[in-house]
């Protein structure tokens, strides 16, 4: 019974809750801190083992060296073949659709928030509609913020994406 309750809690934590957000979405995304997100994936995988580990995949994408694309200030730099990671900042995000990116293998977009003004920006997830392997949006903030503030930033939310964040002060 305890396992069932834990699974149910973990399962529903990944479902977006219905509300009208300030960004006009009818659905506000669930946003979790990186470690909590990975822990919840591990809990689900413990109860429903499979040969593929989403938790391990997230950890590999975040912590291990990957072929990557960097898109900042309109400049594209690609390192390696078949990049899995896309690094950008909130300011460059709206130019992403006009950039010549190799996006066919991108699994994670890492978006840097550099200052408190960036928290007022919108992240339109429809910008990533051509990223067919994209699974995760990872926000790295240089300023203190909350899950709720990050969730308010998203427009055109698509439930296929896992959204998580980390606060890196002083980097």
C-alpha atoms as a PDB file:
ATOM      1  CA  UNK A   1       0.000   0.000   0.000  1.00  0.00           C
ATOM      2  CA  UNK A   2       2.850   2.369   0.847  1.00  0.00           C
ATOM      3  CA  UNK A   3       4.477   1.735  -2.548  1.00  0.00           C
ATOM      4  CA  UNK A   4       1.193   2.445  -4.309  1.00  0.00           C
ATOM      5  CA  UNK A   5       0.834   5.758  -2.482  1.00  0.00           C
ATOM      6  CA  UNK A   6       4.412   6.772  -3.306  1.00  0.00           C
ATOM      7  CA  UNK A   7       3.912   5.889  -6.952  1.00  0.00           C
ATOM      8  CA  UNK A   8       0.619   7.771  -7.098  1.00  0.00           C
ATOM      9  CA  UNK A   9       2.231  10.839  -5.549  1.00  0.00           C
ATOM     10  CA  UNK A  10       5.183  10.693  -7.962  1.00  0.00           C
ATOM     11  CA  UNK A  11       2.905  10.119 -10.950  1.00  0.00           C
ATOM     12  CA  UNK A  12       0.674  13.081 -10.195  1.00  0.00           C
ATOM     13  CA  UNK A  13       3.626  15.347  -9.500  1.00  0.00           C
ATOM     14  CA  UNK A  14       4.486  15.091 -13.199  1.00  0.00           C
ATOM     15  CA  UNK A  15       1.022  16.028 -14.380  1.00  0.00           C
ATOM     16  CA  UNK A  16       0.486  19.729 -14.962  1.00  0.00           C
ATOM     17  CA  UNK A  17      -2.202  21.271 -12.868  1.00  0.00           C
ATOM     18  CA  UNK A  18      -4.957  23.222 -14.580  1.00  0.00           C
ATOM     19  CA  UNK A  19      -5.001  26.930 -13.972  1.00  0.00           C
ATOM     20  CA  UNK A  20      -4.845  30.100 -15.995  1.00  0.00           C
ATOM     21  CA  UNK A  21      -1.338  31.444 -15.862  1.00  0.00           C
ATOM     22  CA  UNK A  22      -0.278  35.038 -16.405  1.00  0.00           C
ATOM     23  CA  UNK A  23       1.275  34.051 -19.730  1.00  0.00           C
ATOM     24  CA  UNK A  24      -2.148  33.124 -21.147  1.00  0.00           C
ATOM     25  CA  UNK A  25      -1.679  29.373 -20.915  1.00  0.00           C
ATOM     26  CA  UNK A  26      -4.634  27.343 -19.821  1.00  0.00           C
ATOM     27  CA  UNK A  27      -2.126  24.903 -18.321  1.00  0.00           C
ATOM     28  CA  UNK A  28       0.688  25.858 -15.995  1.00  0.00           C
ATOM     29  CA  UNK A  29       3.652  23.506 -16.284  1.00  0.00           C
ATOM     30  CA  UNK A  30       5.012  21.552 -13.373  1.00  0.00           C
ATOM     31  CA  UNK A  31       8.523  22.802 -12.652  1.00  0.00           C
ATOM     32  CA  UNK A  32      10.844  21.041 -10.236  1.00  0.00           C
ATOM     33  CA  UNK A  33      14.328  21.604  -8.887  1.00  0.00           C
ATOM     34  CA  UNK A  34      16.820  19.377 -10.748  1.00  0.00           C
ATOM     35  CA  UNK A  35      17.586  16.972  -7.885  1.00  0.00           C
ATOM     36  CA  UNK A  36      13.890  16.593  -7.012  1.00  0.00           C
ATOM     37  CA  UNK A  37      13.076  15.920 -10.670  1.00  0.00           C
ATOM     38  CA  UNK A  38      15.720  13.183 -10.955  1.00  0.00           C
ATOM     39  CA  UNK A  39      14.640  11.678  -7.620  1.00  0.00           C
ATOM     40  CA  UNK A  40      11.019  11.492  -8.750  1.00  0.00           C
ATOM     41  CA  UNK A  41      12.079   9.783 -11.988  1.00  0.00           C
ATOM     42  CA  UNK A  42      14.091   7.258  -9.970  1.00  0.00           C
ATOM     43  CA  UNK A  43      11.095   6.557  -7.753  1.00  0.00           C
ATOM     44  CA  UNK A  44       8.905   5.836 -10.766  1.00  0.00           C
ATOM     45  CA  UNK A  45      11.604   3.640 -12.302  1.00  0.00           C
ATOM     46  CA  UNK A  46      11.995   1.728  -9.057  1.00  0.00           C
ATOM     47  CA  UNK A  47       8.313   0.825  -9.146  1.00  0.00           C
ATOM     48  CA  UNK A  48       8.208   0.255 -12.911  1.00  0.00           C
ATOM     49  CA  UNK A  49      11.631  -0.978 -14.045  1.00  0.00           C
ATOM     50  CA  UNK A  50      12.559  -0.723 -17.705  1.00  0.00           C
ATOM     51  CA  UNK A  51      15.692  -1.036 -19.797  1.00  0.00           C
ATOM     52  CA  UNK A  52      15.842   2.755 -20.377  1.00  0.00           C
ATOM     53  CA  UNK A  53      16.371   5.088 -17.438  1.00  0.00           C
ATOM     54  CA  UNK A  54      15.028   8.618 -17.841  1.00  0.00           C
ATOM     55  CA  UNK A  55      16.724   9.569 -14.576  1.00  0.00           C
ATOM     56  CA  UNK A  56      20.115   8.371 -15.829  1.00  0.00           C
ATOM     57  CA  UNK A  57      19.523  10.095 -19.164  1.00  0.00           C
ATOM     58  CA  UNK A  58      18.821  13.433 -17.430  1.00  0.00           C
ATOM     59  CA  UNK A  59      21.924  13.048 -15.255  1.00  0.00           C
ATOM     60  CA  UNK A  60      24.048  12.222 -18.306  1.00  0.00           C
ATOM     61  CA  UNK A  61      22.718  15.202 -20.256  1.00  0.00           C
ATOM     62  CA  UNK A  62      23.260  17.595 -17.356  1.00  0.00           C
ATOM     63  CA  UNK A  63      26.502  16.345 -15.807  1.00  0.00           C
ATOM     64  CA  UNK A  64      28.456  14.533 -18.542  1.00  0.00           C
ATOM     65  CA  UNK A  65      30.211  15.985 -21.541  1.00  0.00           C
ATOM     66  CA  UNK A  66      27.922  15.854 -24.598  1.00  0.00           C
ATOM     67  CA  UNK A  67      28.097  17.076 -28.164  1.00  0.00           C
ATOM     68  CA  UNK A  68      26.431  20.473 -27.864  1.00  0.00           C
ATOM     69  CA  UNK A  69      25.202  23.562 -29.652  1.00  0.00           C
ATOM     70  CA  UNK A  70      25.665  26.993 -28.108  1.00  0.00           C
ATOM     71  CA  UNK A  71      23.368  29.766 -29.348  1.00  0.00           C
ATOM     72  CA  UNK A  72      24.020  33.194 -27.849  1.00  0.00           C
ATOM     73  CA  UNK A  73      23.607  36.699 -29.302  1.00  0.00           C
ATOM     74  CA  UNK A  74      22.724  35.227 -32.695  1.00  0.00           C
ATOM     75  CA  UNK A  75      25.927  33.185 -32.891  1.00  0.00           C
ATOM     76  CA  UNK A  76      25.820  29.407 -33.302  1.00  0.00           C
ATOM     77  CA  UNK A  77      28.730  27.234 -32.199  1.00  0.00           C
ATOM     78  CA  UNK A  78      28.489  23.466 -32.536  1.00  0.00           C
ATOM     79  CA  UNK A  79      30.848  21.103 -30.759  1.00  0.00           C
ATOM     80  CA  UNK A  80      30.816  17.453 -31.757  1.00  0.00           C
ATOM     81  CA  UNK A  81      28.585  15.473 -34.062  1.00  0.00           C
ATOM     82  CA  UNK A  82      24.890  14.924 -33.404  1.00  0.00           C
ATOM     83  CA  UNK A  83      24.588  17.427 -30.526  1.00  0.00           C
ATOM     84  CA  UNK A  84      22.205  16.402 -27.744  1.00  0.00           C
ATOM     85  CA  UNK A  85      22.370  19.638 -25.722  1.00  0.00           C
ATOM     86  CA  UNK A  86      21.430  23.170 -26.733  1.00  0.00           C
ATOM     87  CA  UNK A  87      22.731  25.968 -24.529  1.00  0.00           C
ATOM     88  CA  UNK A  88      21.216  29.429 -24.863  1.00  0.00           C
ATOM     89  CA  UNK A  89      20.155  32.409 -22.804  1.00  0.00           C
ATOM     90  CA  UNK A  90      16.736  33.928 -22.414  1.00  0.00           C
ATOM     91  CA  UNK A  91      17.640  36.930 -24.613  1.00  0.00           C
ATOM     92  CA  UNK A  92      18.667  34.728 -27.584  1.00  0.00           C
ATOM     93  CA  UNK A  93      15.681  32.417 -27.337  1.00  0.00           C
ATOM     94  CA  UNK A  94      13.352  34.336 -29.661  1.00  0.00           C
ATOM     95  CA  UNK A  95      15.941  34.196 -32.462  1.00  0.00           C
ATOM     96  CA  UNK A  96      16.256  30.432 -32.277  1.00  0.00           C
ATOM     97  CA  UNK A  97      13.844  29.710 -35.135  1.00  0.00           C
ATOM     98  CA  UNK A  98      15.920  31.787 -37.558  1.00  0.00           C
ATOM     99  CA  UNK A  99      19.238  30.220 -36.536  1.00  0.00           C
ATOM    100  CA  UNK A 100      20.900  27.427 -38.469  1.00  0.00           C
ATOM    101  CA  UNK A 101      20.959  24.843 -35.721  1.00  0.00           C
ATOM    102  CA  UNK A 102      21.543  21.127 -35.925  1.00  0.00           C
ATOM    103  CA  UNK A 103      18.479  20.217 -33.882  1.00  0.00           C
ATOM    104  CA  UNK A 104      17.621  16.687 -35.006  1.00  0.00           C
ATOM    105  CA  UNK A 105      19.241  15.057 -31.939  1.00  0.00           C
ATOM    106  CA  UNK A 106      18.724  17.772 -29.298  1.00  0.00           C
ATOM    107  CA  UNK A 107      17.230  16.186 -26.157  1.00  0.00           C
ATOM    108  CA  UNK A 108      17.682  19.047 -23.719  1.00  0.00           C
ATOM    109  CA  UNK A 109      17.617  22.826 -23.962  1.00  0.00           C
ATOM    110  CA  UNK A 110      19.548  24.591 -21.216  1.00  0.00           C
ATOM    111  CA  UNK A 111      18.362  28.183 -20.810  1.00  0.00           C
ATOM    112  CA  UNK A 112      20.447  30.602 -18.761  1.00  0.00           C
ATOM    113  CA  UNK A 113      18.731  33.303 -16.721  1.00  0.00           C
ATOM    114  CA  UNK A 114      21.324  35.983 -16.011  1.00  0.00           C
ATOM    115  CA  UNK A 115      19.414  38.644 -14.050  1.00  0.00           C
ATOM    116  CA  UNK A 116      16.098  39.385 -12.398  1.00  0.00           C
ATOM    117  CA  UNK A 117      14.769  41.114 -15.552  1.00  0.00           C
ATOM    118  CA  UNK A 118      15.103  37.800 -17.397  1.00  0.00           C
ATOM    119  CA  UNK A 119      12.484  36.347 -15.050  1.00  0.00           C
ATOM    120  CA  UNK A 120       9.893  38.597 -16.732  1.00  0.00           C
ATOM    121  CA  UNK A 121      10.586  37.033 -20.138  1.00  0.00           C
ATOM    122  CA  UNK A 122       8.413  34.484 -21.892  1.00  0.00           C
ATOM    123  CA  UNK A 123       9.627  31.101 -23.044  1.00  0.00           C
ATOM    124  CA  UNK A 124       7.473  30.086 -25.995  1.00  0.00           C
ATOM    125  CA  UNK A 125       7.771  26.312 -26.232  1.00  0.00           C
ATOM    126  CA  UNK A 126       6.399  26.337 -29.777  1.00  0.00           C
ATOM    127  CA  UNK A 127       9.877  27.565 -30.776  1.00  0.00           C
ATOM    128  CA  UNK A 128      11.003  23.979 -30.265  1.00  0.00           C
ATOM    129  CA  UNK A 129       8.363  22.299 -32.431  1.00  0.00           C
ATOM    130  CA  UNK A 130      11.045  21.177 -34.925  1.00  0.00           C
ATOM    131  CA  UNK A 131      13.144  19.596 -32.173  1.00  0.00           C
ATOM    132  CA  UNK A 132      11.711  16.104 -32.533  1.00  0.00           C
ATOM    133  CA  UNK A 133      13.853  14.434 -29.855  1.00  0.00           C
ATOM    134  CA  UNK A 134      13.530  17.247 -27.291  1.00  0.00           C
ATOM    135  CA  UNK A 135      12.441  15.919 -23.899  1.00  0.00           C
ATOM    136  CA  UNK A 136      13.715  18.382 -21.307  1.00  0.00           C
ATOM    137  CA  UNK A 137      13.914  22.110 -20.632  1.00  0.00           C
ATOM    138  CA  UNK A 138      16.510  22.972 -17.999  1.00  0.00           C
ATOM    139  CA  UNK A 139      16.572  26.486 -16.542  1.00  0.00           C
ATOM    140  CA  UNK A 140      19.834  27.604 -14.928  1.00  0.00           C
ATOM    141  CA  UNK A 141      19.265  30.801 -12.978  1.00  0.00           C
ATOM    142  CA  UNK A 142      21.935  33.147 -11.630  1.00  0.00           C
ATOM    143  CA  UNK A 143      19.315  34.819  -9.444  1.00  0.00           C
ATOM    144  CA  UNK A 144      17.080  33.482  -6.706  1.00  0.00           C
ATOM    145  CA  UNK A 145      13.658  32.483  -7.943  1.00  0.00           C
ATOM    146  CA  UNK A 146      10.903  29.968  -7.316  1.00  0.00           C
ATOM    147  CA  UNK A 147       9.274  27.137  -9.207  1.00  0.00           C
ATOM    148  CA  UNK A 148       6.163  29.288  -9.542  1.00  0.00           C
ATOM    149  CA  UNK A 149       8.069  32.195 -11.095  1.00  0.00           C
ATOM    150  CA  UNK A 150       9.719  29.897 -13.604  1.00  0.00           C
ATOM    151  CA  UNK A 151       6.412  28.192 -14.455  1.00  0.00           C
ATOM    152  CA  UNK A 152       4.867  31.600 -15.241  1.00  0.00           C
ATOM    153  CA  UNK A 153       7.507  32.173 -17.915  1.00  0.00           C
ATOM    154  CA  UNK A 154       6.293  29.368 -20.184  1.00  0.00           C
ATOM    155  CA  UNK A 155       3.910  29.904 -23.063  1.00  0.00           C
ATOM    156  CA  UNK A 156       2.423  27.297 -25.386  1.00  0.00           C
ATOM    157  CA  UNK A 157       3.168  24.630 -22.814  1.00  0.00           C
ATOM    158  CA  UNK A 158       3.460  21.111 -24.163  1.00  0.00           C
ATOM    159  CA  UNK A 159       3.192  18.267 -21.679  1.00  0.00           C
ATOM    160  CA  UNK A 160       5.826  16.244 -23.527  1.00  0.00           C
ATOM    161  CA  UNK A 161       8.609  18.288 -21.926  1.00  0.00           C
ATOM    162  CA  UNK A 162      10.032  17.777 -18.465  1.00  0.00           C
ATOM    163  CA  UNK A 163      10.912  21.171 -16.998  1.00  0.00           C
ATOM    164  CA  UNK A 164      13.390  21.551 -14.179  1.00  0.00           C
ATOM    165  CA  UNK A 165      15.754  24.181 -12.852  1.00  0.00           C
ATOM    166  CA  UNK A 166      18.809  24.892 -10.751  1.00  0.00           C
ATOM    167  CA  UNK A 167      19.896  28.094  -9.078  1.00  0.00           C
ATOM    168  CA  UNK A 168      23.607  28.838  -9.504  1.00  0.00           C
ATOM    169  CA  UNK A 169      24.422  31.939  -7.487  1.00  0.00           C
ATOM    170  CA  UNK A 170      27.855  33.478  -7.910  1.00  0.00           C
ATOM    171  CA  UNK A 171      28.850  31.759 -11.129  1.00  0.00           C
END
